[in-house]
Amino acid sequence: MAGKKRTSAAADQAEPTACEACGGGAYQDLEAQTTCKSCLAGQYQVLEALTSCNSCLVGQYQESEAQTTCKNCPKGQFQESGA
């Protein structure tokens, strides 16, 4: 299932029984994975269980990875294209 990762089995279970959704700031675009990927700088993802991240809009930026929002450019500065 893209957008989710496989959880490890509990000690008393022989096999995993569910997949876990990737949280905000992360995604998974491939099936059968055990981890999620972090959104890159210039991107964000606020929802869970998705297969990609969104680019920051014009006038916004994000310098860190794995974020759920972008920041507005401060006064005296601009960003004319999405990251």
Protein backbone atom coordinates (compact mmCIF):
# COMPACT_ATOMS: atom_id res chain seq x y z
CA MET A 1 0.00 0.00 0.00
CA ALA A 2 1.60 3.25 -1.07
CA GLY A 3 1.37 5.96 1.60
CA LYS A 4 1.76 3.41 4.40
CA LYS A 5 4.59 1.42 5.93
CA ARG A 6 4.54 -2.11 7.26
CA THR A 7 4.77 -2.33 11.04
CA SER A 8 6.87 -4.94 12.76
CA ALA A 9 5.13 -7.92 14.32
CA ALA A 10 4.42 -7.97 18.04
CA ALA A 11 6.49 -10.44 20.02
CA ASP A 12 3.56 -12.87 20.28
CA GLN A 13 2.61 -12.64 16.57
CA ALA A 14 4.34 -14.54 13.80
CA GLU A 15 3.36 -12.05 11.07
CA PRO A 16 2.48 -8.34 10.90
CA THR A 17 -1.25 -7.73 10.79
CA ALA A 18 -1.46 -4.10 9.65
CA CYS A 19 0.28 -1.21 7.93
CA GLU A 20 0.84 2.17 9.56
CA ALA A 21 0.10 5.47 7.77
CA CYS A 22 2.97 7.85 7.10
CA GLY A 23 2.42 10.96 9.22
CA GLY A 24 2.56 14.64 8.33
CA GLY A 25 5.86 15.74 6.80
CA ALA A 26 6.37 12.29 5.31
CA TYR A 27 5.17 10.10 2.44
CA GLN A 28 5.73 6.74 0.81
CA ASP A 29 5.35 6.31 -2.95
CA LEU A 30 6.27 2.61 -3.14
CA GLU A 31 4.52 -0.50 -1.90
CA ALA A 32 5.92 -3.00 0.64
CA GLN A 33 8.13 -0.52 2.49
CA THR A 34 9.13 -0.50 6.17
CA THR A 35 9.78 3.25 6.52
CA CYS A 36 8.39 6.55 5.27
CA LYS A 37 10.34 9.19 3.33
CA SER A 38 10.68 12.73 4.68
CA CYS A 39 9.50 15.68 2.62
CA LEU A 40 12.51 17.63 1.36
CA ALA A 41 13.33 21.26 2.14
CA GLY A 42 10.99 23.44 0.07
CA GLN A 43 8.15 20.92 0.49
CA TYR A 44 5.50 20.04 3.07
CA GLN A 45 2.78 17.48 3.73
CA VAL A 46 0.06 18.04 6.30
CA LEU A 47 -2.04 14.92 5.66
CA GLU A 48 -1.33 11.27 6.46
CA ALA A 49 -0.98 8.24 4.17
CA LEU A 50 -0.07 10.13 0.98
CA THR A 51 2.32 9.28 -1.83
CA SER A 52 4.03 12.65 -2.36
CA CYS A 53 4.75 16.05 -0.79
CA ASN A 54 3.56 19.49 -1.90
CA SER A 55 5.92 22.28 -2.97
CA CYS A 56 5.74 25.54 -1.05
CA LEU A 57 3.66 28.19 -2.81
CA VAL A 58 4.92 31.44 -4.29
CA GLY A 59 5.85 33.79 -1.43
CA GLN A 60 6.59 30.89 0.93
CA TYR A 61 9.62 28.75 1.83
CA GLN A 62 10.69 25.87 4.06
CA GLU A 63 14.36 25.30 4.87
CA SER A 64 13.88 22.11 6.89
CA GLU A 65 12.91 18.55 5.95
CA ALA A 66 9.85 16.61 7.23
CA GLN A 67 7.62 19.65 7.74
CA THR A 68 3.84 20.07 7.72
CA THR A 69 3.78 23.75 6.69
CA CYS A 70 5.71 26.37 4.74
CA LYS A 71 6.66 29.78 6.09
CA ASN A 72 5.70 33.13 4.57
CA CYS A 73 8.60 35.21 3.29
CA PRO A 74 9.37 38.05 5.71
CA LYS A 75 8.97 41.72 4.85
CA GLY A 76 11.59 42.89 2.37
CA GLN A 77 12.06 39.40 0.86
CA PHE A 78 10.26 37.36 -1.79
CA GLN A 79 10.06 33.94 -3.44
CA GLU A 80 8.74 34.17 -6.98
CA SER A 81 8.50 30.47 -7.80
CA GLY A 82 7.37 27.43 -5.85
CA ALA A 83 10.33 25.53 -4.38
